[in-house]
């Protein structure tokens, strides 16, 4: 059995890659590890960095990641 890979994004370039490749983004509270929000990435492919919906989803996820940062400060 293969171990699942755990991926933790950095808010800049890897978030861009995640939004280009993923069908959903799960933002979690760091401790305890609970799901803050499951964001559907329902965008047509290929996904461009200038698409208005792409930019909106990026802002939403960055805002959510900011909430998790403040909760651990």
Protein backbone atom coordinates (compact mmCIF):
# COMPACT_ATOMS: atom_id res chain seq x y z
CA UNK A 1 0.00 0.00 0.00
CA UNK A 2 1.32 3.44 -0.94
CA UNK A 3 1.32 6.18 1.68
CA UNK A 4 -0.79 9.21 0.73
CA UNK A 5 1.15 12.35 -0.01
CA UNK A 6 0.46 15.40 2.08
CA UNK A 7 0.78 18.70 0.27
CA UNK A 8 0.90 22.01 2.09
CA UNK A 9 0.75 25.02 -0.17
CA UNK A 10 2.66 28.24 0.07
CA UNK A 11 0.24 31.03 -0.78
CA UNK A 12 1.92 32.25 -3.97
CA UNK A 13 3.23 30.11 -6.81
CA UNK A 14 1.98 26.77 -5.51
CA UNK A 15 -1.54 28.13 -5.05
CA UNK A 16 -1.45 29.16 -8.70
CA UNK A 17 -0.40 25.64 -9.65
CA UNK A 18 -3.07 24.10 -7.44
CA UNK A 19 -5.81 26.21 -9.00
CA UNK A 20 -4.58 25.28 -12.47
CA UNK A 21 -4.53 21.54 -11.71
CA UNK A 22 -7.07 20.77 -8.98
CA UNK A 23 -10.82 20.30 -9.03
CA UNK A 24 -11.07 21.32 -5.37
CA UNK A 25 -8.99 23.02 -2.71
CA UNK A 26 -9.40 22.05 0.92
CA UNK A 27 -8.29 24.73 3.39
CA UNK A 28 -7.68 23.38 6.88
CA UNK A 29 -7.18 24.82 10.33
CA UNK A 30 -3.65 23.94 11.42
CA UNK A 31 -4.45 22.70 14.94
CA UNK A 32 -6.48 20.69 15.33
CA UNK A 33 -6.54 19.64 11.70
CA UNK A 34 -10.13 20.44 10.78
CA UNK A 35 -11.51 21.46 7.42
CA UNK A 36 -12.18 25.18 7.31
CA UNK A 37 -13.64 25.13 3.81
CA UNK A 38 -13.77 22.88 0.78
CA UNK A 39 -13.58 25.11 -2.30
CA UNK A 40 -14.75 23.71 -5.63
CA UNK A 41 -12.49 24.73 -8.52
CA UNK A 42 -15.03 24.42 -11.32
CA UNK A 43 -13.14 26.18 -14.08
CA UNK A 44 -12.75 25.17 -17.72
CA UNK A 45 -9.38 23.92 -18.87
CA UNK A 46 -6.91 25.22 -19.79
CA UNK A 47 -7.05 27.62 -16.87
CA UNK A 48 -5.53 31.04 -17.30
CA UNK A 49 -4.16 33.32 -14.59
CA UNK A 50 -6.20 36.21 -15.98
CA UNK A 51 -9.62 34.50 -15.85
CA UNK A 52 -11.91 36.53 -13.52
CA UNK A 53 -13.27 33.41 -11.76
CA UNK A 54 -9.74 32.06 -11.28
CA UNK A 55 -8.72 35.37 -9.69
CA UNK A 56 -11.82 35.34 -7.45
CA UNK A 57 -11.09 31.81 -6.22
CA UNK A 58 -7.47 32.77 -5.57
CA UNK A 59 -8.58 35.73 -3.43
CA UNK A 60 -11.05 33.53 -1.52
CA UNK A 61 -8.39 30.92 -0.72
CA UNK A 62 -5.78 33.51 0.23
CA UNK A 63 -8.31 35.11 2.59
CA UNK A 64 -9.04 31.70 4.15
CA UNK A 65 -5.33 30.97 4.53
CA UNK A 66 -4.98 34.33 6.26
CA UNK A 67 -7.67 33.26 8.75
CA UNK A 68 -5.71 30.12 9.61
CA UNK A 69 -2.53 32.21 10.07
CA UNK A 70 -4.28 34.59 12.49
CA UNK A 71 -5.70 31.70 14.50
CA UNK A 72 -2.22 30.36 15.26
CA UNK A 73 -0.61 33.73 16.06
